[in-house]
Each structure stands twice: as structure tokens, then as C-alpha cells.
Amino acid sequence: MSDINNIRFPVPPVWWITWADNAETTVLGYGYLSSDEILSTIKHLTTYLDEAVWESVLINHGIDPYPEDE
């Protein structure tokens, strides 16, 4: 995990999770960032190159990584 201001055009693309603090107990947001996107002003951010690991972390925190649109 790191405290950064932005990710710009990641190669390879990354999956990400933002946390309430460094303890990584409360997920604030999550998603996928392609190589043509920018993610700005994020604190307590963890990035993942492996989608399965990202999914596992979210599921372990009680979050469905792919919720149905309501």
C-alpha cells in the first residue's frame, strides 16, 4: 500500500483498492484502471496486477467485486 496523489496511464493496467487508513480494514473504493486512464488524489491505495488477488481481497472484506447494476 502507498500514499500517492495519482496513477497515470499504468502499464500494465491495474486493479486498485482505496482504504480508510493504513490498517487496510475498511474499503473506501475499488476498481480497474486501464492504460489510458488517470486515477487522482487517492490516499491509502493498494494496486494489484493479478485480478484474482484483487477479487480475493475484496471478497475477504465482504464486498462483491462485480455487483449487479441496480
PDB file of N, CA and C in Angstrom:
ATOM      1  N   MET A   1       0.848  -1.170   0.000  1.00  0.00           N
ATOM      2  CA  MET A   1       0.000   0.000   0.000  1.00  0.00           C
ATOM      3  C   MET A   1       0.892   1.231   0.000  1.00  0.00           C
ATOM      4  N   SER A   2       0.374   2.290  -0.617  1.00  0.00           N
ATOM      5  CA  SER A   2       1.137   3.528  -0.634  1.00  0.00           C
ATOM      6  C   SER A   2       0.198   4.722  -0.561  1.00  0.00           C
ATOM      7  N   ASP A   3       0.742   5.851  -0.163  1.00  0.00           N
ATOM      8  CA  ASP A   3       0.023   7.115  -0.180  1.00  0.00           C
ATOM      9  C   ASP A   3       0.557   7.901  -1.369  1.00  0.00           C
ATOM     10  N   ILE A   4      -0.259   8.018  -2.415  1.00  0.00           N
ATOM     11  CA  ILE A   4       0.169   8.706  -3.622  1.00  0.00           C
ATOM     12  C   ILE A   4      -0.924   9.658  -4.073  1.00  0.00           C
ATOM     13  N   ASN A   5      -0.575  10.594  -4.929  1.00  0.00           N
ATOM     14  CA  ASN A   5      -1.546  11.561  -5.422  1.00  0.00           C
ATOM     15  C   ASN A   5      -2.254  11.112  -6.688  1.00  0.00           C
ATOM     16  N   ASN A   6      -1.588  10.297  -7.520  1.00  0.00           N
ATOM     17  CA  ASN A   6      -2.256   9.824  -8.723  1.00  0.00           C
ATOM     18  C   ASN A   6      -1.488   8.676  -9.359  1.00  0.00           C
ATOM     19  N   ILE A   7      -2.208   7.946 -10.195  1.00  0.00           N
ATOM     20  CA  ILE A   7      -1.626   6.937 -11.073  1.00  0.00           C
ATOM     21  C   ILE A   7      -1.985   7.382 -12.480  1.00  0.00           C
ATOM     22  N   ARG A   8      -0.991   7.473 -13.348  1.00  0.00           N
ATOM     23  CA  ARG A   8      -1.215   7.954 -14.706  1.00  0.00           C
ATOM     24  C   ARG A   8      -0.821   6.883 -15.716  1.00  0.00           C
ATOM     25  N   PHE A   9      -1.789   6.477 -16.501  1.00  0.00           N
ATOM     26  CA  PHE A   9      -1.568   5.584 -17.632  1.00  0.00           C
ATOM     27  C   PHE A   9      -0.724   4.352 -17.267  1.00  0.00           C
ATOM     28  N   PRO A  10      -1.195   3.536 -16.325  1.00  0.00           N
ATOM     29  CA  PRO A  10      -0.385   2.394 -15.869  1.00  0.00           C
ATOM     30  C   PRO A  10      -0.178   1.340 -16.956  1.00  0.00           C
ATOM     31  N   VAL A  11       1.030   0.859 -17.054  1.00  0.00           N
ATOM     32  CA  VAL A  11       1.353  -0.235 -17.967  1.00  0.00           C
ATOM     33  C   VAL A  11       2.123  -1.256 -17.148  1.00  0.00           C
ATOM     34  N   PRO A  12       1.581  -2.424 -16.916  1.00  0.00           N
ATOM     35  CA  PRO A  12       0.279  -2.885 -17.383  1.00  0.00           C
ATOM     36  C   PRO A  12      -0.849  -2.243 -16.571  1.00  0.00           C
ATOM     37  N   PRO A  13      -2.101  -2.366 -17.050  1.00  0.00           N
ATOM     38  CA  PRO A  13      -3.243  -1.862 -16.299  1.00  0.00           C
ATOM     39  C   PRO A  13      -3.291  -2.508 -14.909  1.00  0.00           C
ATOM     40  N   VAL A  14      -3.953  -1.846 -13.962  1.00  0.00           N
ATOM     41  CA  VAL A  14      -4.010  -2.342 -12.580  1.00  0.00           C
ATOM     42  C   VAL A  14      -5.433  -2.323 -12.030  1.00  0.00           C
ATOM     43  N   TRP A  15      -5.670  -3.196 -11.074  1.00  0.00           N
ATOM     44  CA  TRP A  15      -6.867  -3.149 -10.248  1.00  0.00           C
ATOM     45  C   TRP A  15      -6.440  -2.439  -8.972  1.00  0.00           C
ATOM     46  N   TRP A  16      -7.348  -1.706  -8.334  1.00  0.00           N
ATOM     47  CA  TRP A  16      -6.964  -0.927  -7.163  1.00  0.00           C
ATOM     48  C   TRP A  16      -8.036  -0.991  -6.084  1.00  0.00           C
ATOM     49  N   ILE A  17      -7.593  -0.748  -4.849  1.00  0.00           N
ATOM     50  CA  ILE A  17      -8.476  -0.622  -3.692  1.00  0.00           C
ATOM     51  C   ILE A  17      -7.977   0.565  -2.877  1.00  0.00           C
ATOM     52  N   THR A  18      -8.898   1.433  -2.464  1.00  0.00           N
ATOM     53  CA  THR A  18      -8.546   2.502  -1.530  1.00  0.00           C
ATOM     54  C   THR A  18      -9.076   2.124  -0.158  1.00  0.00           C
ATOM     55  N   TRP A  19      -8.340   2.536   0.855  1.00  0.00           N
ATOM     56  CA  TRP A  19      -8.626   2.159   2.239  1.00  0.00           C
ATOM     57  C   TRP A  19      -8.840   3.400   3.100  1.00  0.00           C
ATOM     58  N   ALA A  20      -9.573   3.227   4.203  1.00  0.00           N
ATOM     59  CA  ALA A  20      -9.805   4.333   5.136  1.00  0.00           C
ATOM     60  C   ALA A  20      -8.511   4.746   5.828  1.00  0.00           C
ATOM     61  N   ASP A  21      -7.605   3.779   6.037  1.00  0.00           N
ATOM     62  CA  ASP A  21      -6.331   4.076   6.685  1.00  0.00           C
ATOM     63  C   ASP A  21      -5.318   2.979   6.352  1.00  0.00           C
ATOM     64  N   ASN A  22      -4.154   3.076   6.907  1.00  0.00           N
ATOM     65  CA  ASN A  22      -3.100   2.102   6.622  1.00  0.00           C
ATOM     66  C   ASN A  22      -3.384   0.705   7.159  1.00  0.00           C
ATOM     67  N   ALA A  23      -4.367   0.553   8.030  1.00  0.00           N
ATOM     68  CA  ALA A  23      -4.684  -0.755   8.594  1.00  0.00           C
ATOM     69  C   ALA A  23      -5.354  -1.679   7.570  1.00  0.00           C
ATOM     70  N   GLU A  24      -5.825  -1.129   6.465  1.00  0.00           N
ATOM     71  CA  GLU A  24      -6.496  -1.896   5.406  1.00  0.00           C
ATOM     72  C   GLU A  24      -7.664  -2.737   5.938  1.00  0.00           C
ATOM     73  N   THR A  25      -8.485  -2.108   6.786  1.00  0.00           N
ATOM     74  CA  THR A  25      -9.652  -2.809   7.312  1.00  0.00           C
ATOM     75  C   THR A  25     -10.956  -2.330   6.677  1.00  0.00           C
ATOM     76  N   THR A  26     -11.002  -1.085   6.227  1.00  0.00           N
ATOM     77  CA  THR A  26     -12.221  -0.527   5.650  1.00  0.00           C
ATOM     78  C   THR A  26     -11.961  -0.088   4.214  1.00  0.00           C
ATOM     79  N   VAL A  27     -12.657  -0.737   3.271  1.00  0.00           N
ATOM     80  CA  VAL A  27     -12.539  -0.404   1.853  1.00  0.00           C
ATOM     81  C   VAL A  27     -13.376   0.837   1.558  1.00  0.00           C
ATOM     82  N   LEU A  28     -12.762   1.834   0.956  1.00  0.00           N
ATOM     83  CA  LEU A  28     -13.491   3.040   0.548  1.00  0.00           C
ATOM     84  C   LEU A  28     -13.905   2.999  -0.917  1.00  0.00           C
ATOM     85  N   GLY A  29     -13.119   2.342  -1.737  1.00  0.00           N
ATOM     86  CA  GLY A  29     -13.421   2.265  -3.160  1.00  0.00           C
ATOM     87  C   GLY A  29     -12.532   1.234  -3.819  1.00  0.00           C
ATOM     88  N   TYR A  30     -12.928   0.833  -5.030  1.00  0.00           N
ATOM     89  CA  TYR A  30     -12.149  -0.164  -5.760  1.00  0.00           C
ATOM     90  C   TYR A  30     -12.487  -0.083  -7.230  1.00  0.00           C
ATOM     91  N   GLY A  31     -11.599  -0.608  -8.061  1.00  0.00           N
ATOM     92  CA  GLY A  31     -11.879  -0.587  -9.486  1.00  0.00           C
ATOM     93  C   GLY A  31     -10.699  -1.052 -10.308  1.00  0.00           C
ATOM     94  N   TYR A  32     -10.814  -0.782 -11.607  1.00  0.00           N
ATOM     95  CA  TYR A  32      -9.815  -1.172 -12.604  1.00  0.00           C
ATOM     96  C   TYR A  32      -9.361   0.092 -13.318  1.00  0.00           C
ATOM     97  N   LEU A  33      -8.074   0.207 -13.549  1.00  0.00           N
ATOM     98  CA  LEU A  33      -7.522   1.370 -14.230  1.00  0.00           C
ATOM     99  C   LEU A  33      -6.778   0.907 -15.472  1.00  0.00           C
ATOM    100  N   SER A  34      -7.292   1.277 -16.650  1.00  0.00           N
ATOM    101  CA  SER A  34      -6.663   0.865 -17.903  1.00  0.00           C
ATOM    102  C   SER A  34      -5.484   1.787 -18.225  1.00  0.00           C
ATOM    103  N   SER A  35      -4.732   1.414 -19.235  1.00  0.00           N
ATOM    104  CA  SER A  35      -3.519   2.157 -19.596  1.00  0.00           C
ATOM    105  C   SER A  35      -3.788   3.531 -20.197  1.00  0.00           C
ATOM    106  N   ASP A  36      -5.052   3.862 -20.443  1.00  0.00           N
ATOM    107  CA  ASP A  36      -5.351   5.190 -20.983  1.00  0.00           C
ATOM    108  C   ASP A  36      -6.131   6.048 -19.981  1.00  0.00           C
ATOM    109  N   GLU A  37      -6.035   5.702 -18.682  1.00  0.00           N
ATOM    110  CA  GLU A  37      -6.772   6.427 -17.650  1.00  0.00           C
ATOM    111  C   GLU A  37      -5.830   6.971 -16.580  1.00  0.00           C
ATOM    112  N   ILE A  38      -6.389   7.907 -15.784  1.00  0.00           N
ATOM    113  CA  ILE A  38      -5.680   8.503 -14.653  1.00  0.00           C
ATOM    114  C   ILE A  38      -6.583   8.376 -13.420  1.00  0.00           C
ATOM    115  N   LEU A  39      -5.995   8.004 -12.299  1.00  0.00           N
ATOM    116  CA  LEU A  39      -6.692   7.961 -11.015  1.00  0.00           C
ATOM    117  C   LEU A  39      -6.006   8.986 -10.124  1.00  0.00           C
ATOM    118  N   SER A  40      -6.739  10.010  -9.664  1.00  0.00           N
ATOM    119  CA  SER A  40      -6.116  11.120  -8.945  1.00  0.00           C
ATOM    120  C   SER A  40      -6.575  11.235  -7.496  1.00  0.00           C
ATOM    121  N   THR A  41      -5.723  11.845  -6.675  1.00  0.00           N
ATOM    122  CA  THR A  41      -5.967  12.196  -5.292  1.00  0.00           C
ATOM    123  C   THR A  41      -6.481  11.020  -4.478  1.00  0.00           C
ATOM    124  N   ILE A  42      -5.707   9.974  -4.472  1.00  0.00           N
ATOM    125  CA  ILE A  42      -6.058   8.781  -3.716  1.00  0.00           C
ATOM    126  C   ILE A  42      -5.033   8.600  -2.607  1.00  0.00           C
ATOM    127  N   LYS A  43      -5.505   8.363  -1.415  1.00  0.00           N
ATOM    128  CA  LYS A  43      -4.634   8.049  -0.285  1.00  0.00           C
ATOM    129  C   LYS A  43      -4.904   6.611   0.126  1.00  0.00           C
ATOM    130  N   HIS A  44      -3.927   5.995   0.734  1.00  0.00           N
ATOM    131  CA  HIS A  44      -4.050   4.613   1.208  1.00  0.00           C
ATOM    132  C   HIS A  44      -4.539   3.706   0.082  1.00  0.00           C
ATOM    133  N   LEU A  45      -3.738   3.618  -0.942  1.00  0.00           N
ATOM    134  CA  LEU A  45      -4.081   2.899  -2.160  1.00  0.00           C
ATOM    135  C   LEU A  45      -3.218   1.652  -2.295  1.00  0.00           C
ATOM    136  N   THR A  46      -3.861   0.543  -2.652  1.00  0.00           N
ATOM    137  CA  THR A  46      -3.146  -0.672  -2.990  1.00  0.00           C
ATOM    138  C   THR A  46      -3.492  -1.022  -4.423  1.00  0.00           C
ATOM    139  N   THR A  47      -2.481  -1.335  -5.221  1.00  0.00           N
ATOM    140  CA  THR A  47      -2.721  -1.760  -6.592  1.00  0.00           C
ATOM    141  C   THR A  47      -2.364  -3.232  -6.736  1.00  0.00           C
ATOM    142  N   TYR A  48      -3.021  -3.884  -7.692  1.00  0.00           N
ATOM    143  CA  TYR A  48      -2.842  -5.312  -7.931  1.00  0.00           C
ATOM    144  C   TYR A  48      -2.686  -5.547  -9.427  1.00  0.00           C
ATOM    145  N   LEU A  49      -1.721  -6.361  -9.794  1.00  0.00           N
ATOM    146  CA  LEU A  49      -1.559  -6.754 -11.188  1.00  0.00           C
ATOM    147  C   LEU A  49      -2.362  -8.007 -11.497  1.00  0.00           C
ATOM    148  N   ASP A  50      -2.719  -8.757 -10.477  1.00  0.00           N
ATOM    149  CA  ASP A  50      -3.452 -10.016 -10.626  1.00  0.00           C
ATOM    150  C   ASP A  50      -4.903  -9.809 -10.187  1.00  0.00           C
ATOM    151  N   GLU A  51      -5.821  -9.915 -11.143  1.00  0.00           N
ATOM    152  CA  GLU A  51      -7.238  -9.693 -10.851  1.00  0.00           C
ATOM    153  C   GLU A  51      -7.753 -10.659  -9.789  1.00  0.00           C
ATOM    154  N   ALA A  52      -7.284 -11.901  -9.796  1.00  0.00           N
ATOM    155  CA  ALA A  52      -7.753 -12.891  -8.821  1.00  0.00           C
ATOM    156  C   ALA A  52      -7.375 -12.496  -7.389  1.00  0.00           C
ATOM    157  N   VAL A  53      -6.199 -11.929  -7.213  1.00  0.00           N
ATOM    158  CA  VAL A  53      -5.787 -11.466  -5.881  1.00  0.00           C
ATOM    159  C   VAL A  53      -6.668 -10.304  -5.448  1.00  0.00           C
ATOM    160  N   TRP A  54      -6.906  -9.343  -6.329  1.00  0.00           N
ATOM    161  CA  TRP A  54      -7.777  -8.197  -6.054  1.00  0.00           C
ATOM    162  C   TRP A  54      -9.180  -8.674  -5.649  1.00  0.00           C
ATOM    163  N   GLU A  55      -9.738  -9.619  -6.419  1.00  0.00           N
ATOM    164  CA  GLU A  55     -11.053 -10.181  -6.096  1.00  0.00           C
ATOM    165  C   GLU A  55     -11.053 -10.812  -4.713  1.00  0.00           C
ATOM    166  N   SER A  56     -10.029 -11.583  -4.412  1.00  0.00           N
ATOM    167  CA  SER A  56      -9.924 -12.272  -3.138  1.00  0.00           C
ATOM    168  C   SER A  56      -9.901 -11.294  -1.963  1.00  0.00           C
ATOM    169  N   VAL A  57      -9.147 -10.217  -2.099  1.00  0.00           N
ATOM    170  CA  VAL A  57      -9.080  -9.214  -1.033  1.00  0.00           C
ATOM    171  C   VAL A  57     -10.460  -8.608  -0.801  1.00  0.00           C
ATOM    172  N   LEU A  58     -11.156  -8.249  -1.880  1.00  0.00           N
ATOM    173  CA  LEU A  58     -12.493  -7.665  -1.738  1.00  0.00           C
ATOM    174  C   LEU A  58     -13.467  -8.657  -1.115  1.00  0.00           C
ATOM    175  N   ILE A  59     -13.463  -9.889  -1.583  1.00  0.00           N
ATOM    176  CA  ILE A  59     -14.364 -10.904  -1.040  1.00  0.00           C
ATOM    177  C   ILE A  59     -14.085 -11.124   0.444  1.00  0.00           C
ATOM    178  N   ASN A  60     -12.812 -11.146   0.830  1.00  0.00           N
ATOM    179  CA  ASN A  60     -12.449 -11.305   2.243  1.00  0.00           C
ATOM    180  C   ASN A  60     -12.936 -10.145   3.104  1.00  0.00           C
ATOM    181  N   HIS A  61     -13.211  -8.995   2.483  1.00  0.00           N
ATOM    182  CA  HIS A  61     -13.760  -7.837   3.190  1.00  0.00           C
ATOM    183  C   HIS A  61     -15.280  -7.727   3.007  1.00  0.00           C
ATOM    184  N   GLY A  62     -15.905  -8.792   2.500  1.00  0.00           N
ATOM    185  CA  GLY A  62     -17.358  -8.830   2.356  1.00  0.00           C
ATOM    186  C   GLY A  62     -17.902  -8.022   1.198  1.00  0.00           C
ATOM    187  N   ILE A  63     -17.088  -7.790   0.170  1.00  0.00           N
ATOM    188  CA  ILE A  63     -17.501  -6.964  -0.966  1.00  0.00           C
ATOM    189  C   ILE A  63     -17.532  -7.816  -2.231  1.00  0.00           C
ATOM    190  N   ASP A  64     -18.630  -7.711  -2.979  1.00  0.00           N
ATOM    191  CA  ASP A  64     -18.747  -8.359  -4.278  1.00  0.00           C
ATOM    192  C   ASP A  64     -18.020  -7.492  -5.307  1.00  0.00           C
ATOM    193  N   PRO A  65     -16.932  -7.977  -5.894  1.00  0.00           N
ATOM    194  CA  PRO A  65     -16.183  -7.159  -6.853  1.00  0.00           C
ATOM    195  C   PRO A  65     -16.969  -6.794  -8.110  1.00  0.00           C
ATOM    196  N   TYR A  66     -17.988  -7.561  -8.421  1.00  0.00           N
ATOM    197  CA  TYR A  66     -18.770  -7.340  -9.647  1.00  0.00           C
ATOM    198  C   TYR A  66     -20.261  -7.274  -9.319  1.00  0.00           C
ATOM    199  N   PRO A  67     -20.700  -6.253  -8.578  1.00  0.00           N
ATOM    200  CA  PRO A  67     -22.123  -6.178  -8.222  1.00  0.00           C
ATOM    201  C   PRO A  67     -22.993  -5.943  -9.441  1.00  0.00           C
ATOM    202  N   GLU A  68     -24.191  -6.454  -9.379  1.00  0.00           N
ATOM    203  CA  GLU A  68     -25.168  -6.229 -10.449  1.00  0.00           C
ATOM    204  C   GLU A  68     -25.598  -4.772 -10.413  1.00  0.00           C
ATOM    205  N   ASP A  69     -25.807  -4.167 -11.578  1.00  0.00           N
ATOM    206  CA  ASP A  69     -26.351  -2.807 -11.622  1.00  0.00           C
ATOM    207  C   ASP A  69     -27.763  -2.841 -11.090  1.00  0.00           C
ATOM    208  N   GLU A  70     -28.100  -1.847 -10.283  1.00  0.00           N
ATOM    209  CA  GLU A  70     -29.444  -1.786  -9.699  1.00  0.00           C
ATOM    210  C   GLU A  70     -30.375  -0.967 -10.542  1.00  0.00           C
TER     211      GLU A  70
END
